[in-house]
């Protein structure tokens, strides 16, 4: 089954060294060998509300990655980057975080239940299309 892409447009707080997005990717790719994210080292320079939102985003991305595994590809996009500007214009992003599920469904803000419902719906639709394309019935279908 093909996975679904989740794009997260949200400000990424940066410290010294690697950008936070790179640290997140590296920590997920090699959690035991790399040593994990070091996000606390320079975040104290940001307002407490920004730090809390950033930590919340990290927790959400980790939880979604754990829950959906290989069925979900997550891209965190800083709106200050060129890609972030393009995404913001294309999907009319005005508040952060904005979650774009499968390039079609847009969830704005911290609406975890709505996000998970959208992910489940897109994954189910993807599985139905995939099942129809290869001619094999889906598991549990007689």
N, C-alpha and C. Protein backbone atom coordinates (compact mmCIF):
# COMPACT_ATOMS: atom_id res chain seq x y z
N UNK A 1 0.84 -1.17 0.00
CA UNK A 1 0.00 0.00 0.00
C UNK A 1 0.89 1.24 0.00
N UNK A 2 0.52 2.21 -0.80
CA UNK A 2 1.24 3.49 -0.81
C UNK A 2 0.90 4.28 0.42
N UNK A 3 1.87 5.01 0.94
CA UNK A 3 1.66 5.82 2.11
C UNK A 3 1.03 7.16 1.75
N UNK A 4 0.68 7.89 2.76
CA UNK A 4 0.09 9.22 2.61
C UNK A 4 1.09 10.23 3.14
N UNK A 5 1.17 11.36 2.47
CA UNK A 5 2.09 12.41 2.91
C UNK A 5 1.35 13.42 3.77
N UNK A 6 1.95 13.75 4.90
CA UNK A 6 1.45 14.80 5.79
C UNK A 6 2.48 15.92 5.77
N UNK A 7 2.07 17.08 5.32
CA UNK A 7 2.95 18.24 5.34
C UNK A 7 2.51 19.16 6.47
N UNK A 8 3.44 19.54 7.30
CA UNK A 8 3.15 20.40 8.44
C UNK A 8 3.84 21.74 8.20
N UNK A 9 3.04 22.78 8.03
CA UNK A 9 3.60 24.12 7.85
C UNK A 9 3.56 24.79 9.21
N UNK A 10 4.75 24.98 9.78
CA UNK A 10 4.86 25.55 11.12
C UNK A 10 6.25 26.15 11.29
N UNK A 11 6.34 27.24 12.04
CA UNK A 11 7.67 27.81 12.29
C UNK A 11 8.56 26.81 13.02
N UNK A 12 9.80 26.73 12.57
CA UNK A 12 10.77 25.83 13.18
C UNK A 12 11.78 26.68 13.93
N UNK A 13 11.87 26.46 15.21
CA UNK A 13 12.82 27.22 16.03
C UNK A 13 14.20 26.62 15.86
N UNK A 14 15.18 27.46 15.67
CA UNK A 14 16.54 26.98 15.44
C UNK A 14 17.46 27.38 16.56
N UNK A 15 18.39 26.50 16.86
CA UNK A 15 19.41 26.78 17.85
C UNK A 15 20.76 26.76 17.17
N UNK A 16 21.77 26.45 17.90
CA UNK A 16 23.09 26.35 17.32
C UNK A 16 23.28 24.96 16.74
N UNK A 17 23.97 24.87 15.64
CA UNK A 17 24.21 23.58 15.02
C UNK A 17 23.18 23.32 13.94
N UNK A 18 22.66 22.09 13.90
CA UNK A 18 21.68 21.73 12.89
C UNK A 18 20.37 22.44 13.15
N UNK A 19 19.60 22.65 12.09
CA UNK A 19 18.27 23.22 12.28
C UNK A 19 17.40 22.18 12.98
N UNK A 20 16.36 22.63 13.63
CA UNK A 20 15.52 21.74 14.42
C UNK A 20 14.85 20.68 13.55
N UNK A 21 14.47 21.05 12.33
CA UNK A 21 13.86 20.08 11.43
C UNK A 21 14.82 18.95 11.09
N UNK A 22 16.09 19.32 10.84
CA UNK A 22 17.10 18.29 10.55
C UNK A 22 17.32 17.40 11.77
N UNK A 23 17.36 17.99 12.94
CA UNK A 23 17.54 17.19 14.16
C UNK A 23 16.39 16.22 14.35
N UNK A 24 15.17 16.68 14.05
CA UNK A 24 14.00 15.80 14.19
C UNK A 24 14.11 14.63 13.23
N UNK A 25 14.47 14.89 11.99
CA UNK A 25 14.61 13.83 11.00
C UNK A 25 15.71 12.86 11.42
N UNK A 26 16.85 13.39 11.85
CA UNK A 26 17.96 12.52 12.26
C UNK A 26 17.60 11.70 13.49
N UNK A 27 16.88 12.28 14.41
CA UNK A 27 16.53 11.52 15.62
C UNK A 27 15.58 10.38 15.30
N UNK A 28 14.69 10.58 14.31
CA UNK A 28 13.77 9.51 13.91
C UNK A 28 14.48 8.45 13.07
N UNK A 29 15.47 8.88 12.28
CA UNK A 29 16.17 7.95 11.39
C UNK A 29 17.10 7.03 12.16
N UNK A 30 17.76 7.56 13.18
CA UNK A 30 18.73 6.77 13.94
C UNK A 30 18.65 7.15 15.41
N UNK A 31 17.54 6.79 16.07
CA UNK A 31 17.36 7.24 17.45
C UNK A 31 18.41 6.74 18.43
N UNK A 32 19.00 5.58 18.20
CA UNK A 32 19.97 5.08 19.18
C UNK A 32 21.39 5.56 18.88
N UNK A 33 21.75 5.67 17.62
CA UNK A 33 23.11 6.02 17.27
C UNK A 33 23.40 7.51 17.29
N UNK A 34 22.42 8.33 17.02
CA UNK A 34 22.67 9.75 16.90
C UNK A 34 22.56 10.48 18.22
N UNK A 35 21.75 9.98 19.12
CA UNK A 35 21.65 10.61 20.43
C UNK A 35 20.39 11.42 20.62
N UNK A 36 19.55 11.50 19.62
CA UNK A 36 18.27 12.17 19.77
C UNK A 36 18.36 13.67 19.62
N UNK A 37 17.18 14.32 19.57
CA UNK A 37 17.16 15.76 19.37
C UNK A 37 17.72 16.50 20.58
N UNK A 38 18.39 17.60 20.28
CA UNK A 38 18.93 18.44 21.34
C UNK A 38 18.21 19.79 21.28
N UNK A 39 16.90 19.75 21.29
CA UNK A 39 16.11 20.95 21.04
C UNK A 39 16.14 21.93 22.18
N UNK A 40 16.50 21.52 23.37
CA UNK A 40 16.47 22.42 24.51
C UNK A 40 17.68 23.33 24.61
N UNK A 41 18.70 23.10 23.82
CA UNK A 41 19.96 23.81 24.01
C UNK A 41 19.91 25.29 23.70
N UNK A 42 19.05 25.76 22.81
CA UNK A 42 19.01 27.19 22.49
C UNK A 42 17.60 27.73 22.42
N UNK A 43 16.63 26.95 22.85
CA UNK A 43 15.24 27.40 22.79
C UNK A 43 14.91 28.43 23.85
N UNK A 44 15.72 28.52 24.89
CA UNK A 44 15.41 29.46 25.96
C UNK A 44 15.41 30.91 25.48
N UNK A 45 15.97 31.17 24.30
CA UNK A 45 15.97 32.51 23.74
C UNK A 45 14.63 32.91 23.13
N UNK A 46 13.72 31.95 22.99
CA UNK A 46 12.41 32.21 22.41
C UNK A 46 11.37 32.41 23.51
N UNK A 47 10.27 33.10 23.20
CA UNK A 47 9.19 33.25 24.19
C UNK A 47 8.64 31.88 24.63
N UNK A 48 8.16 31.82 25.85
CA UNK A 48 7.67 30.56 26.42
C UNK A 48 6.56 29.95 25.58
N UNK A 49 5.68 30.77 25.03
CA UNK A 49 4.58 30.26 24.20
C UNK A 49 5.11 29.57 22.94
N UNK A 50 6.13 30.14 22.32
CA UNK A 50 6.73 29.54 21.13
C UNK A 50 7.40 28.22 21.48
N UNK A 51 8.08 28.19 22.63
CA UNK A 51 8.73 26.96 23.07
C UNK A 51 7.70 25.85 23.29
N UNK A 52 6.58 26.22 23.92
CA UNK A 52 5.53 25.23 24.20
C UNK A 52 4.93 24.70 22.90
N UNK A 53 4.66 25.59 21.95
CA UNK A 53 4.11 25.16 20.66
C UNK A 53 5.09 24.26 19.91
N UNK A 54 6.35 24.60 19.97
CA UNK A 54 7.38 23.81 19.30
C UNK A 54 7.47 22.41 19.92
N UNK A 55 7.47 22.36 21.25
CA UNK A 55 7.53 21.07 21.93
C UNK A 55 6.28 20.24 21.62
N UNK A 56 5.14 20.89 21.58
CA UNK A 56 3.88 20.21 21.24
C UNK A 56 3.96 19.63 19.84
N UNK A 57 4.49 20.41 18.89
CA UNK A 57 4.63 19.92 17.52
C UNK A 57 5.54 18.71 17.46
N UNK A 58 6.66 18.75 18.17
CA UNK A 58 7.57 17.60 18.20
C UNK A 58 6.86 16.36 18.75
N UNK A 59 6.09 16.54 19.80
CA UNK A 59 5.36 15.41 20.39
C UNK A 59 4.33 14.85 19.41
N UNK A 60 3.61 15.74 18.72
CA UNK A 60 2.61 15.29 17.75
C UNK A 60 3.26 14.52 16.61
N UNK A 61 4.34 15.06 16.05
CA UNK A 61 5.01 14.40 14.93
C UNK A 61 5.51 13.03 15.37
N UNK A 62 6.09 12.94 16.54
CA UNK A 62 6.57 11.66 17.05
C UNK A 62 5.42 10.68 17.25
N UNK A 63 4.33 11.14 17.84
CA UNK A 63 3.17 10.27 18.09
C UNK A 63 2.55 9.79 16.77
N UNK A 64 2.42 10.69 15.80
CA UNK A 64 1.86 10.30 14.50
C UNK A 64 2.76 9.31 13.79
N UNK A 65 4.06 9.53 13.87
CA UNK A 65 5.01 8.63 13.26
C UNK A 65 4.92 7.23 13.89
N UNK A 66 4.79 7.20 15.19
CA UNK A 66 4.65 5.93 15.90
C UNK A 66 3.34 5.23 15.54
N UNK A 67 2.25 6.00 15.52
CA UNK A 67 0.93 5.41 15.27
C UNK A 67 0.79 4.88 13.85
N UNK A 68 1.23 5.65 12.86
CA UNK A 68 0.98 5.28 11.46
C UNK A 68 2.16 4.59 10.79
N UNK A 69 3.33 4.69 11.34
CA UNK A 69 4.50 3.98 10.81
C UNK A 69 4.79 4.30 9.36
N UNK A 70 5.01 3.24 8.56
CA UNK A 70 5.38 3.39 7.16
C UNK A 70 4.23 3.89 6.28
N UNK A 71 3.04 3.89 6.81
CA UNK A 71 1.90 4.36 6.01
C UNK A 71 1.87 5.88 5.89
N UNK A 72 2.72 6.58 6.66
CA UNK A 72 2.68 8.04 6.69
C UNK A 72 4.07 8.62 6.53
N UNK A 73 4.21 9.57 5.62
CA UNK A 73 5.44 10.33 5.45
C UNK A 73 5.17 11.74 5.94
N UNK A 74 5.98 12.22 6.87
CA UNK A 74 5.76 13.54 7.47
C UNK A 74 6.87 14.48 7.02
N UNK A 75 6.46 15.65 6.52
CA UNK A 75 7.39 16.71 6.15
C UNK A 75 7.03 17.94 6.97
N UNK A 76 7.98 18.44 7.74
CA UNK A 76 7.78 19.67 8.49
C UNK A 76 8.41 20.79 7.66
N UNK A 77 7.61 21.81 7.34
CA UNK A 77 8.05 22.87 6.44
C UNK A 77 7.98 24.21 7.17
N UNK A 78 9.11 24.89 7.24
CA UNK A 78 9.16 26.21 7.86
C UNK A 78 8.57 27.22 6.89
N UNK A 79 7.58 28.01 7.33
CA UNK A 79 6.96 28.99 6.42
C UNK A 79 7.93 30.08 5.97
N UNK A 80 9.07 30.22 6.64
CA UNK A 80 10.06 31.22 6.25
C UNK A 80 10.96 30.73 5.12
N UNK A 81 10.85 29.46 4.76
CA UNK A 81 11.66 28.91 3.67
C UNK A 81 10.92 29.13 2.34
N UNK A 82 11.62 28.89 1.25
CA UNK A 82 11.00 29.02 -0.07
C UNK A 82 9.86 28.02 -0.22
N UNK A 83 10.09 26.78 0.17
CA UNK A 83 9.03 25.77 0.10
C UNK A 83 7.85 26.16 0.98
N UNK A 84 8.13 26.72 2.15
CA UNK A 84 7.07 27.16 3.05
C UNK A 84 6.25 28.29 2.47
N UNK A 85 6.90 29.20 1.79
CA UNK A 85 6.18 30.30 1.13
C UNK A 85 5.26 29.76 0.05
N UNK A 86 5.77 28.84 -0.75
CA UNK A 86 4.95 28.25 -1.82
C UNK A 86 3.75 27.51 -1.22
N UNK A 87 3.99 26.69 -0.19
CA UNK A 87 2.88 25.96 0.46
C UNK A 87 1.87 26.92 1.07
N UNK A 88 2.37 27.98 1.70
CA UNK A 88 1.48 28.96 2.33
C UNK A 88 0.58 29.63 1.31
N UNK A 89 1.13 29.95 0.15
CA UNK A 89 0.33 30.57 -0.90
C UNK A 89 -0.64 29.56 -1.52
N UNK A 90 -0.16 28.38 -1.82
CA UNK A 90 -0.99 27.37 -2.49
C UNK A 90 -2.17 26.93 -1.63
N UNK A 91 -1.91 26.72 -0.33
CA UNK A 91 -2.95 26.20 0.55
C UNK A 91 -3.58 27.29 1.43
N UNK A 92 -3.26 28.54 1.15
CA UNK A 92 -3.81 29.69 1.89
C UNK A 92 -3.60 29.55 3.40
N UNK A 93 -2.37 29.27 3.76
CA UNK A 93 -2.01 29.10 5.17
C UNK A 93 -1.89 30.49 5.79
N UNK A 94 -2.66 30.70 6.86
CA UNK A 94 -2.62 31.97 7.56
C UNK A 94 -2.32 31.81 9.05
N UNK A 95 -2.49 30.57 9.54
CA UNK A 95 -2.20 30.28 10.95
C UNK A 95 -1.39 29.01 11.03
N UNK A 96 -0.66 28.92 12.13
CA UNK A 96 0.23 27.76 12.32
C UNK A 96 -0.14 27.03 13.60
N UNK A 97 0.07 25.74 13.61
CA UNK A 97 0.47 24.91 12.50
C UNK A 97 -0.70 24.64 11.56
N UNK A 98 -0.39 24.38 10.31
CA UNK A 98 -1.37 23.92 9.33
C UNK A 98 -0.88 22.57 8.83
N UNK A 99 -1.77 21.59 8.87
CA UNK A 99 -1.46 20.22 8.46
C UNK A 99 -2.15 19.97 7.13
N UNK A 100 -1.39 19.53 6.13
CA UNK A 100 -1.93 19.25 4.80
C UNK A 100 -1.82 17.75 4.59
N UNK A 101 -2.97 17.09 4.52
CA UNK A 101 -3.03 15.63 4.43
C UNK A 101 -3.23 15.22 2.98
N UNK A 102 -2.28 14.49 2.46
CA UNK A 102 -2.40 13.97 1.10
C UNK A 102 -2.52 15.04 0.03
N UNK A 103 -2.08 16.25 0.31
CA UNK A 103 -2.15 17.33 -0.66
C UNK A 103 -3.54 17.88 -0.89
N UNK A 104 -4.51 17.44 -0.09
CA UNK A 104 -5.89 17.86 -0.34
C UNK A 104 -6.63 18.39 0.88
N UNK A 105 -6.44 17.76 2.01
CA UNK A 105 -7.19 18.14 3.21
C UNK A 105 -6.30 19.03 4.07
N UNK A 106 -6.86 20.17 4.49
CA UNK A 106 -6.10 21.13 5.30
C UNK A 106 -6.74 21.23 6.67
N UNK A 107 -5.93 20.99 7.69
CA UNK A 107 -6.36 21.11 9.09
C UNK A 107 -5.55 22.25 9.69
N UNK A 108 -6.23 23.25 10.21
CA UNK A 108 -5.56 24.43 10.76
C UNK A 108 -5.63 24.39 12.28
N UNK A 109 -4.48 24.54 12.92
CA UNK A 109 -4.42 24.62 14.37
C UNK A 109 -4.26 23.26 15.03
N UNK A 110 -4.42 23.29 16.34
CA UNK A 110 -4.17 22.10 17.17
C UNK A 110 -5.44 21.27 17.31
N UNK A 111 -5.92 20.71 16.22
CA UNK A 111 -7.14 19.89 16.20
C UNK A 111 -6.74 18.43 15.94
N UNK A 112 -6.25 17.80 16.97
CA UNK A 112 -5.69 16.45 16.81
C UNK A 112 -6.73 15.44 16.33
N UNK A 113 -7.94 15.50 16.87
CA UNK A 113 -8.96 14.53 16.46
C UNK A 113 -9.32 14.72 14.99
N UNK A 114 -9.41 15.97 14.54
CA UNK A 114 -9.71 16.24 13.13
C UNK A 114 -8.57 15.76 12.24
N UNK A 115 -7.34 15.97 12.70
CA UNK A 115 -6.17 15.54 11.94
C UNK A 115 -6.15 14.03 11.81
N UNK A 116 -6.35 13.32 12.90
CA UNK A 116 -6.32 11.86 12.85
C UNK A 116 -7.48 11.31 12.03
N UNK A 117 -8.65 11.94 12.10
CA UNK A 117 -9.79 11.51 11.29
C UNK A 117 -9.49 11.70 9.80
N UNK A 118 -8.86 12.83 9.46
CA UNK A 118 -8.49 13.08 8.06
C UNK A 118 -7.44 12.07 7.59
N UNK A 119 -6.45 11.79 8.43
CA UNK A 119 -5.43 10.80 8.08
C UNK A 119 -6.05 9.42 7.87
N UNK A 120 -6.93 9.02 8.79
CA UNK A 120 -7.59 7.72 8.67
C UNK A 120 -8.42 7.62 7.39
N UNK A 121 -9.14 8.72 7.05
CA UNK A 121 -9.97 8.73 5.85
C UNK A 121 -9.12 8.64 4.59
N UNK A 122 -8.05 9.41 4.53
CA UNK A 122 -7.19 9.40 3.34
C UNK A 122 -6.47 8.05 3.22
N UNK A 123 -6.03 7.50 4.35
CA UNK A 123 -5.39 6.18 4.31
C UNK A 123 -6.37 5.10 3.86
N UNK A 124 -7.61 5.17 4.33
CA UNK A 124 -8.62 4.19 3.92
C UNK A 124 -8.92 4.32 2.43
N UNK A 125 -9.04 5.54 1.93
CA UNK A 125 -9.28 5.76 0.50
C UNK A 125 -8.11 5.26 -0.32
N UNK A 126 -6.89 5.51 0.17
CA UNK A 126 -5.69 5.05 -0.53
C UNK A 126 -5.65 3.52 -0.58
N UNK A 127 -6.03 2.88 0.51
CA UNK A 127 -6.05 1.42 0.56
C UNK A 127 -7.10 0.86 -0.39
N UNK A 128 -8.26 1.53 -0.47
CA UNK A 128 -9.33 1.07 -1.36
C UNK A 128 -8.90 1.20 -2.82
N UNK A 129 -8.25 2.30 -3.17
CA UNK A 129 -7.77 2.49 -4.54
C UNK A 129 -6.68 1.48 -4.84
N UNK A 130 -5.76 1.29 -3.92
CA UNK A 130 -4.67 0.34 -4.11
C UNK A 130 -5.22 -1.07 -4.28
N UNK A 131 -6.21 -1.42 -3.48
CA UNK A 131 -6.82 -2.75 -3.58
C UNK A 131 -7.50 -2.95 -4.92
N UNK A 132 -8.10 -1.88 -5.45
CA UNK A 132 -8.77 -1.97 -6.74
C UNK A 132 -7.80 -2.01 -7.90
N UNK A 133 -6.63 -1.43 -7.74
CA UNK A 133 -5.67 -1.37 -8.83
C UNK A 133 -4.98 -2.69 -9.09
N UNK A 134 -4.69 -3.44 -8.04
CA UNK A 134 -3.96 -4.68 -8.28
C UNK A 134 -4.87 -5.89 -8.45
N UNK A 135 -6.18 -5.67 -8.37
CA UNK A 135 -7.13 -6.74 -8.62
C UNK A 135 -7.37 -7.67 -7.46
N UNK A 136 -6.62 -7.52 -6.39
CA UNK A 136 -6.82 -8.36 -5.22
C UNK A 136 -7.80 -7.70 -4.28
N UNK A 137 -8.68 -8.46 -3.67
CA UNK A 137 -9.59 -7.86 -2.69
C UNK A 137 -8.83 -7.45 -1.43
N UNK A 138 -9.38 -6.48 -0.74
CA UNK A 138 -8.80 -6.06 0.54
C UNK A 138 -9.00 -7.17 1.56
N UNK A 139 -8.12 -7.26 2.53
CA UNK A 139 -8.29 -8.27 3.57
C UNK A 139 -9.64 -8.10 4.26
N UNK A 140 -10.28 -9.22 4.54
CA UNK A 140 -11.57 -9.19 5.23
C UNK A 140 -12.75 -9.01 4.30
N UNK A 141 -12.51 -8.88 2.99
CA UNK A 141 -13.60 -8.71 2.01
C UNK A 141 -13.82 -10.06 1.35
N UNK A 142 -15.08 -10.51 1.34
CA UNK A 142 -15.41 -11.81 0.74
C UNK A 142 -15.68 -11.68 -0.72
